[in-house]
Amino acid sequence: EYFSEPAFELGVRGDVLFGRTGPSDFGFGPYLEVVTLGFDELQLGGGPALLLPVLDSAPIVLSTGPYARFEPLWGIEPGIASSIFWGSRSYNYSAGYVIGLGVIADARFGLGASRESSFVIGLQLDTAFLASPLIYIIDALRGGSRDTDRVPGR
């Protein structure tokens, strides 16, 4: 059976990409992820990731690696996951952190007795992006920015 039903998937993913000195440079490094499928199972994985600078502000990030699936019916099973991300992930000239926002396609293949497979298309949102409204509200409640001596004319 190729398609059984749509399911809710939620995950946390982090990567560190080295070797970039500008927006048109390739990046390479590790990624780690924690994924849940309908809160019935947990998958932990990681591996290498490669950033391809197809557009300065919207590169492609390819990644693949092993994962371990913890599910009550089947127990612990190994698997292989691959993903492709495309979206906003520009180069930051003044810091090492860049906010990411884009689409992700993910393929997962279980190597255990269940032979589970999944294909996921989703939206990848950076936690800093999600926290922006809360940060704005907290800053506004504290009286806003106090860094006014850099504003021209003041």
N, C-alpha and C. Protein backbone atom coordinates (compact mmCIF):
# COMPACT_ATOMS: atom_id res chain seq x y z
N GLU A 1 0.86 -1.17 0.00
CA GLU A 1 0.00 0.00 0.00
C GLU A 1 0.90 1.23 0.00
N TYR A 2 0.72 2.08 -0.99
CA TYR A 2 1.60 3.23 -1.14
C TYR A 2 1.18 4.42 -0.30
N PHE A 3 -0.09 4.53 0.02
CA PHE A 3 -0.57 5.67 0.79
C PHE A 3 -1.65 5.19 1.74
N SER A 4 -1.43 5.39 3.02
CA SER A 4 -2.43 4.94 3.98
C SER A 4 -3.29 6.10 4.47
N GLU A 5 -2.65 7.16 4.95
CA GLU A 5 -3.40 8.32 5.44
C GLU A 5 -2.45 9.46 5.74
N PRO A 6 -2.93 10.70 5.67
CA PRO A 6 -2.08 11.81 6.09
C PRO A 6 -1.90 11.79 7.59
N ALA A 7 -0.79 12.31 8.05
CA ALA A 7 -0.50 12.30 9.49
C ALA A 7 0.19 13.60 9.88
N PHE A 8 0.06 13.96 11.15
CA PHE A 8 0.71 15.14 11.70
C PHE A 8 2.12 14.78 12.11
N GLU A 9 3.10 15.56 11.67
CA GLU A 9 4.49 15.36 12.05
C GLU A 9 5.05 16.67 12.57
N LEU A 10 5.80 16.60 13.64
CA LEU A 10 6.41 17.78 14.24
C LEU A 10 7.84 17.43 14.60
N GLY A 11 8.75 18.35 14.33
CA GLY A 11 10.14 18.06 14.62
C GLY A 11 10.93 19.30 14.98
N VAL A 12 12.07 19.04 15.57
CA VAL A 12 13.05 20.08 15.88
C VAL A 12 14.34 19.65 15.20
N ARG A 13 14.93 20.59 14.48
CA ARG A 13 16.12 20.27 13.70
C ARG A 13 17.13 21.40 13.86
N GLY A 14 18.36 21.05 14.00
CA GLY A 14 19.42 22.04 14.09
C GLY A 14 20.61 21.61 13.26
N ASP A 15 21.29 22.58 12.68
CA ASP A 15 22.50 22.26 11.95
C ASP A 15 23.53 23.37 12.15
N VAL A 16 24.76 23.04 11.89
CA VAL A 16 25.87 23.99 11.93
C VAL A 16 26.62 23.79 10.61
N LEU A 17 26.68 24.85 9.80
CA LEU A 17 27.30 24.75 8.49
C LEU A 17 28.57 25.59 8.46
N PHE A 18 29.68 24.95 8.21
CA PHE A 18 30.99 25.59 8.22
C PHE A 18 31.45 25.92 6.80
N GLY A 19 32.44 26.79 6.70
CA GLY A 19 33.10 27.04 5.44
C GLY A 19 32.57 28.21 4.64
N ARG A 20 31.57 28.90 5.13
CA ARG A 20 31.00 30.02 4.37
C ARG A 20 31.67 31.33 4.81
N THR A 21 32.21 32.06 3.84
CA THR A 21 32.76 33.39 4.11
C THR A 21 31.98 34.46 3.37
N GLY A 22 30.94 34.03 2.63
CA GLY A 22 30.09 34.96 1.89
C GLY A 22 28.85 34.23 1.40
N PRO A 23 27.90 34.97 0.84
CA PRO A 23 26.63 34.37 0.44
C PRO A 23 26.72 33.38 -0.72
N SER A 24 27.79 33.43 -1.50
CA SER A 24 27.91 32.51 -2.64
C SER A 24 28.81 31.32 -2.34
N ASP A 25 29.11 31.08 -1.06
CA ASP A 25 29.96 29.95 -0.66
C ASP A 25 29.13 28.74 -0.26
N PHE A 26 29.70 27.57 -0.49
CA PHE A 26 29.10 26.33 -0.04
C PHE A 26 29.30 26.21 1.46
N GLY A 27 28.45 25.45 2.13
CA GLY A 27 28.59 25.19 3.55
C GLY A 27 28.42 23.70 3.80
N PHE A 28 29.11 23.18 4.81
CA PHE A 28 29.03 21.76 5.13
C PHE A 28 29.12 21.59 6.64
N GLY A 29 28.33 20.69 7.19
CA GLY A 29 28.40 20.44 8.62
C GLY A 29 27.36 19.42 9.05
N PRO A 30 27.25 19.20 10.35
CA PRO A 30 26.32 18.19 10.87
C PRO A 30 24.93 18.77 11.14
N TYR A 31 23.95 17.88 11.15
CA TYR A 31 22.61 18.23 11.60
C TYR A 31 22.14 17.19 12.60
N LEU A 32 21.25 17.59 13.48
CA LEU A 32 20.58 16.70 14.44
C LEU A 32 19.09 17.00 14.39
N GLU A 33 18.26 15.98 14.61
CA GLU A 33 16.82 16.18 14.58
C GLU A 33 16.11 15.26 15.56
N VAL A 34 14.97 15.75 16.01
CA VAL A 34 14.03 14.97 16.82
C VAL A 34 12.68 15.15 16.15
N VAL A 35 12.03 14.05 15.79
CA VAL A 35 10.78 14.09 15.04
C VAL A 35 9.76 13.21 15.73
N THR A 36 8.51 13.67 15.77
CA THR A 36 7.41 12.84 16.27
C THR A 36 6.35 12.73 15.19
N LEU A 37 5.76 11.57 15.08
CA LEU A 37 4.68 11.34 14.13
C LEU A 37 3.41 11.13 14.94
N GLY A 38 2.55 12.14 14.97
CA GLY A 38 1.30 12.05 15.70
C GLY A 38 1.48 11.83 17.20
N PHE A 39 2.63 12.14 17.73
CA PHE A 39 2.99 11.94 19.15
C PHE A 39 2.89 10.48 19.57
N ASP A 40 2.84 9.55 18.59
CA ASP A 40 2.81 8.12 18.89
C ASP A 40 4.19 7.49 18.82
N GLU A 41 5.12 8.15 18.17
CA GLU A 41 6.47 7.63 18.05
C GLU A 41 7.46 8.77 18.08
N LEU A 42 8.72 8.42 18.27
CA LEU A 42 9.80 9.40 18.34
C LEU A 42 10.93 8.92 17.45
N GLN A 43 11.50 9.84 16.68
CA GLN A 43 12.64 9.52 15.83
C GLN A 43 13.77 10.49 16.14
N LEU A 44 14.96 9.94 16.36
CA LEU A 44 16.16 10.74 16.64
C LEU A 44 17.17 10.45 15.55
N GLY A 45 17.71 11.49 14.92
CA GLY A 45 18.65 11.25 13.84
C GLY A 45 19.63 12.37 13.64
N GLY A 46 20.51 12.16 12.69
CA GLY A 46 21.51 13.16 12.37
C GLY A 46 22.41 12.69 11.26
N GLY A 47 23.27 13.59 10.81
CA GLY A 47 24.20 13.25 9.75
C GLY A 47 24.76 14.50 9.12
N PRO A 48 25.32 14.37 7.92
CA PRO A 48 25.91 15.53 7.25
C PRO A 48 24.87 16.35 6.49
N ALA A 49 25.14 17.65 6.37
CA ALA A 49 24.30 18.58 5.60
C ALA A 49 25.20 19.40 4.70
N LEU A 50 24.70 19.71 3.51
CA LEU A 50 25.45 20.47 2.53
C LEU A 50 24.60 21.63 2.03
N LEU A 51 25.11 22.85 2.13
CA LEU A 51 24.41 24.04 1.63
C LEU A 51 24.92 24.36 0.23
N LEU A 52 23.99 24.44 -0.72
CA LEU A 52 24.31 24.79 -2.10
C LEU A 52 23.81 26.20 -2.36
N PRO A 53 24.68 27.16 -2.65
CA PRO A 53 24.27 28.57 -2.80
C PRO A 53 23.67 28.87 -4.18
N VAL A 54 22.50 28.29 -4.48
CA VAL A 54 21.88 28.52 -5.78
C VAL A 54 21.40 29.97 -5.94
N LEU A 55 20.91 30.56 -4.88
CA LEU A 55 20.57 31.99 -4.80
C LEU A 55 21.18 32.52 -3.51
N ASP A 56 21.68 33.75 -3.52
CA ASP A 56 22.33 34.29 -2.31
C ASP A 56 21.44 34.24 -1.08
N SER A 57 20.18 34.61 -1.21
CA SER A 57 19.30 34.64 -0.04
C SER A 57 18.43 33.41 0.10
N ALA A 58 18.48 32.48 -0.86
CA ALA A 58 17.65 31.28 -0.79
C ALA A 58 18.42 30.07 -1.30
N PRO A 59 19.35 29.56 -0.49
CA PRO A 59 20.12 28.40 -0.91
C PRO A 59 19.31 27.10 -0.73
N ILE A 60 19.87 26.03 -1.22
CA ILE A 60 19.32 24.68 -1.01
C ILE A 60 20.22 23.99 0.00
N VAL A 61 19.61 23.29 0.96
CA VAL A 61 20.38 22.51 1.93
C VAL A 61 19.96 21.04 1.78
N LEU A 62 20.92 20.19 1.46
CA LEU A 62 20.70 18.75 1.34
C LEU A 62 21.26 18.06 2.57
N SER A 63 20.54 17.06 3.08
CA SER A 63 21.06 16.32 4.22
C SER A 63 20.58 14.88 4.16
N THR A 64 21.36 14.00 4.75
CA THR A 64 21.00 12.60 4.84
C THR A 64 21.70 11.97 6.03
N GLY A 65 21.08 10.97 6.61
CA GLY A 65 21.71 10.33 7.75
C GLY A 65 20.82 9.28 8.38
N PRO A 66 21.38 8.54 9.33
CA PRO A 66 20.61 7.50 10.01
C PRO A 66 19.70 8.09 11.08
N TYR A 67 18.68 7.34 11.45
CA TYR A 67 17.82 7.71 12.58
C TYR A 67 17.40 6.45 13.32
N ALA A 68 16.99 6.64 14.55
CA ALA A 68 16.43 5.55 15.36
C ALA A 68 14.98 5.89 15.63
N ARG A 69 14.10 4.95 15.39
CA ARG A 69 12.65 5.13 15.56
C ARG A 69 12.22 4.35 16.80
N PHE A 70 11.55 5.04 17.72
CA PHE A 70 11.01 4.43 18.93
C PHE A 70 9.50 4.44 18.82
N GLU A 71 8.90 3.24 18.70
CA GLU A 71 7.45 3.13 18.52
C GLU A 71 6.96 1.96 19.37
N PRO A 72 5.84 2.10 20.10
CA PRO A 72 5.41 1.05 21.04
C PRO A 72 5.19 -0.33 20.40
N LEU A 73 4.62 -0.38 19.21
CA LEU A 73 4.31 -1.67 18.58
C LEU A 73 5.56 -2.38 18.06
N TRP A 74 6.47 -1.63 17.45
CA TRP A 74 7.65 -2.23 16.81
C TRP A 74 8.91 -2.09 17.64
N GLY A 75 8.90 -1.30 18.68
CA GLY A 75 10.10 -1.10 19.50
C GLY A 75 11.06 -0.12 18.86
N ILE A 76 12.33 -0.44 18.91
CA ILE A 76 13.37 0.44 18.36
C ILE A 76 13.80 -0.12 17.00
N GLU A 77 13.80 0.76 15.99
CA GLU A 77 14.20 0.37 14.65
C GLU A 77 15.11 1.41 14.04
N PRO A 78 16.08 0.98 13.22
CA PRO A 78 16.93 1.93 12.52
C PRO A 78 16.28 2.38 11.22
N GLY A 79 16.79 3.48 10.67
CA GLY A 79 16.30 3.97 9.39
C GLY A 79 17.26 4.96 8.77
N ILE A 80 16.93 5.37 7.56
CA ILE A 80 17.71 6.36 6.82
C ILE A 80 16.77 7.48 6.41
N ALA A 81 17.20 8.73 6.60
CA ALA A 81 16.40 9.90 6.23
C ALA A 81 17.21 10.79 5.30
N SER A 82 16.52 11.40 4.35
CA SER A 82 17.13 12.39 3.46
C SER A 82 16.18 13.55 3.32
N SER A 83 16.72 14.76 3.21
CA SER A 83 15.84 15.92 3.05
C SER A 83 16.48 16.96 2.15
N ILE A 84 15.61 17.79 1.60
CA ILE A 84 16.03 18.93 0.81
C ILE A 84 15.24 20.14 1.31
N PHE A 85 15.95 21.20 1.67
CA PHE A 85 15.36 22.45 2.15
C PHE A 85 15.65 23.53 1.13
N TRP A 86 14.66 24.37 0.86
CA TRP A 86 14.87 25.53 0.01
C TRP A 86 14.11 26.70 0.61
N GLY A 87 14.81 27.80 0.82
CA GLY A 87 14.16 28.98 1.37
C GLY A 87 15.17 30.00 1.84
N SER A 88 14.70 30.90 2.69
CA SER A 88 15.52 31.99 3.19
C SER A 88 16.55 31.45 4.17
N ARG A 89 17.79 31.65 3.84
CA ARG A 89 18.90 31.25 4.70
C ARG A 89 20.12 32.02 4.24
N SER A 90 19.98 33.33 4.27
CA SER A 90 21.03 34.19 3.72
C SER A 90 22.28 34.14 4.60
N TYR A 91 23.33 34.74 4.11
CA TYR A 91 24.59 34.80 4.85
C TYR A 91 24.57 36.00 5.79
N ASN A 92 25.00 35.82 7.02
CA ASN A 92 25.05 36.89 8.00
C ASN A 92 26.49 37.40 8.10
N TYR A 93 26.70 38.65 7.74
CA TYR A 93 28.05 39.22 7.74
C TYR A 93 28.56 39.55 9.13
N SER A 94 27.68 39.73 10.11
CA SER A 94 28.12 40.19 11.42
C SER A 94 27.98 39.15 12.53
N ALA A 95 27.41 38.00 12.26
CA ALA A 95 27.25 36.97 13.30
C ALA A 95 27.19 35.60 12.62
N GLY A 96 27.25 34.57 13.44
CA GLY A 96 27.21 33.21 12.91
C GLY A 96 25.82 32.64 12.75
N TYR A 97 24.79 33.33 13.24
CA TYR A 97 23.43 32.81 13.21
C TYR A 97 22.62 33.43 12.09
N VAL A 98 21.85 32.62 11.41
CA VAL A 98 20.98 33.09 10.33
C VAL A 98 19.60 32.48 10.54
N ILE A 99 18.56 33.30 10.45
CA ILE A 99 17.19 32.80 10.56
C ILE A 99 16.83 32.08 9.27
N GLY A 100 16.24 30.90 9.41
CA GLY A 100 15.83 30.12 8.25
C GLY A 100 14.32 30.01 8.17
N LEU A 101 13.80 30.08 6.96
CA LEU A 101 12.36 29.94 6.71
C LEU A 101 12.19 29.42 5.29
N GLY A 102 11.56 28.26 5.14
CA GLY A 102 11.39 27.72 3.80
C GLY A 102 10.60 26.43 3.79
N VAL A 103 10.64 25.76 2.66
CA VAL A 103 9.94 24.48 2.50
C VAL A 103 10.96 23.35 2.58
N ILE A 104 10.48 22.21 3.05
CA ILE A 104 11.35 21.05 3.20
C ILE A 104 10.61 19.82 2.69
N ALA A 105 11.32 18.98 1.98
CA ALA A 105 10.81 17.68 1.55
C ALA A 105 11.70 16.63 2.19
N ASP A 106 11.08 15.64 2.79
CA ASP A 106 11.80 14.66 3.60
C ASP A 106 11.34 13.26 3.20
N ALA A 107 12.29 12.34 3.05
CA ALA A 107 11.99 10.93 2.79
C ALA A 107 12.64 10.10 3.88
N ARG A 108 11.87 9.19 4.48
CA ARG A 108 12.36 8.37 5.58
C ARG A 108 12.05 6.91 5.27
N PHE A 109 13.06 6.06 5.44
CA PHE A 109 12.90 4.63 5.15
C PHE A 109 13.38 3.82 6.35
N GLY A 110 12.45 3.08 6.96
CA GLY A 110 12.80 2.23 8.08
C GLY A 110 13.48 0.96 7.63
N LEU A 111 14.49 0.52 8.35
CA LEU A 111 15.24 -0.68 8.02
C LEU A 111 14.90 -1.84 8.94
N GLY A 112 13.92 -1.65 9.84
CA GLY A 112 13.52 -2.70 10.76
C GLY A 112 12.37 -3.52 10.22
N ALA A 113 11.75 -4.29 11.09
CA ALA A 113 10.67 -5.21 10.71
C ALA A 113 9.45 -4.49 10.15
N SER A 114 9.17 -3.27 10.58
CA SER A 114 7.98 -2.55 10.11
C SER A 114 8.12 -2.07 8.67
N ARG A 115 9.36 -1.87 8.22
CA ARG A 115 9.62 -1.33 6.87
C ARG A 115 8.84 -0.04 6.61
N GLU A 116 8.70 0.79 7.66
CA GLU A 116 7.94 2.03 7.50
C GLU A 116 8.65 2.96 6.55
N SER A 117 7.87 3.71 5.80
CA SER A 117 8.42 4.74 4.94
C SER A 117 7.48 5.94 4.99
N SER A 118 8.06 7.10 4.88
CA SER A 118 7.24 8.31 4.88
C SER A 118 7.88 9.35 3.97
N PHE A 119 7.02 10.12 3.35
CA PHE A 119 7.42 11.24 2.52
C PHE A 119 6.69 12.45 3.06
N VAL A 120 7.45 13.47 3.43
CA VAL A 120 6.89 14.63 4.11
C VAL A 120 7.23 15.88 3.31
N ILE A 121 6.24 16.72 3.11
CA ILE A 121 6.46 18.06 2.56
C ILE A 121 5.94 19.01 3.62
N GLY A 122 6.79 19.95 4.04
CA GLY A 122 6.37 20.82 5.12
C GLY A 122 7.03 22.18 5.07
N LEU A 123 6.71 22.96 6.07
CA LEU A 123 7.27 24.29 6.25
C LEU A 123 8.25 24.24 7.40
N GLN A 124 9.46 24.72 7.18
CA GLN A 124 10.47 24.78 8.22
C GLN A 124 10.56 26.21 8.71
N LEU A 125 10.23 26.41 9.99
CA LEU A 125 10.24 27.74 10.61
C LEU A 125 11.32 27.78 11.69
N ASP A 126 12.13 28.79 11.66
CA ASP A 126 13.15 28.98 12.67
C ASP A 126 12.50 29.37 13.98
N THR A 127 13.00 28.86 15.10
CA THR A 127 12.43 29.22 16.40
C THR A 127 12.56 30.72 16.68
N ALA A 128 13.62 31.36 16.17
CA ALA A 128 13.76 32.81 16.35
C ALA A 128 12.65 33.54 15.60
N PHE A 129 12.27 33.04 14.44
CA PHE A 129 11.16 33.62 13.68
C PHE A 129 9.85 33.47 14.46
N LEU A 130 9.63 32.30 15.03
CA LEU A 130 8.41 32.05 15.80
C LEU A 130 8.36 32.90 17.08
N ALA A 131 9.51 33.17 17.66
CA ALA A 131 9.55 33.94 18.90
C ALA A 131 9.49 35.45 18.68
N SER A 132 9.61 35.93 17.46
CA SER A 132 9.65 37.37 17.18
C SER A 132 8.46 38.15 17.75
N PRO A 133 7.21 37.68 17.61
CA PRO A 133 6.10 38.44 18.20
C PRO A 133 6.21 38.56 19.72
N LEU A 134 6.64 37.50 20.39
CA LEU A 134 6.80 37.54 21.84
C LEU A 134 7.92 38.51 22.24
N ILE A 135 9.01 38.49 21.51
CA ILE A 135 10.12 39.41 21.79
C ILE A 135 9.67 40.85 21.59
N TYR A 136 8.90 41.11 20.54
CA TYR A 136 8.38 42.46 20.28
C TYR A 136 7.49 42.93 21.43
N ILE A 137 6.59 42.06 21.89
CA ILE A 137 5.67 42.42 22.99
C ILE A 137 6.44 42.71 24.27
N ILE A 138 7.40 41.86 24.60
CA ILE A 138 8.20 42.07 25.81
C ILE A 138 8.97 43.38 25.72
N ASP A 139 9.57 43.66 24.56
CA ASP A 139 10.31 44.91 24.38
C ASP A 139 9.38 46.11 24.48
N ALA A 140 8.18 46.02 23.92
CA ALA A 140 7.22 47.12 23.99
C ALA A 140 6.77 47.36 25.42
N LEU A 141 6.54 46.30 26.19
CA LEU A 141 6.12 46.44 27.58
C LEU A 141 7.22 47.06 28.45
N ARG A 142 8.45 46.87 28.06
CA ARG A 142 9.59 47.45 28.80
C ARG A 142 9.88 48.88 28.38
N GLY A 143 9.11 49.42 27.43
CA GLY A 143 9.30 50.80 27.01
C GLY A 143 10.03 50.96 25.70
N GLY A 144 10.22 49.89 24.98
CA GLY A 144 10.87 49.97 23.67
C GLY A 144 12.37 50.04 23.77
N SER A 145 13.00 50.28 22.66
CA SER A 145 14.45 50.34 22.58
C SER A 145 14.97 51.62 23.23
N ARG A 146 16.02 51.50 24.00
CA ARG A 146 16.63 52.65 24.65
C ARG A 146 17.88 53.11 23.92
N ASP A 147 18.11 52.53 22.76
CA ASP A 147 19.30 52.83 21.97
C ASP A 147 19.00 53.97 21.01
N THR A 148 18.68 55.17 21.56
CA THR A 148 18.27 56.29 20.72
C THR A 148 19.41 57.22 20.34
N ASP A 149 20.58 57.06 20.98
CA ASP A 149 21.67 57.99 20.67
C ASP A 149 22.31 57.67 19.31
N ARG A 150 21.93 56.60 18.67
CA ARG A 150 22.44 56.29 17.33
C ARG A 150 21.50 56.79 16.23
N VAL A 151 20.32 57.24 16.60
CA VAL A 151 19.35 57.71 15.61
C VAL A 151 19.71 59.14 15.21
N PRO A 152 19.85 59.40 13.89
CA PRO A 152 20.20 60.77 13.46
C PRO A 152 19.14 61.79 13.87
N GLY A 153 19.55 62.95 14.28
CA GLY A 153 18.62 64.03 14.63
C GLY A 153 18.18 64.01 16.08
N ARG A 154 18.69 63.13 16.87
CA ARG A 154 18.29 63.09 18.29
C ARG A 154 19.43 63.41 19.20
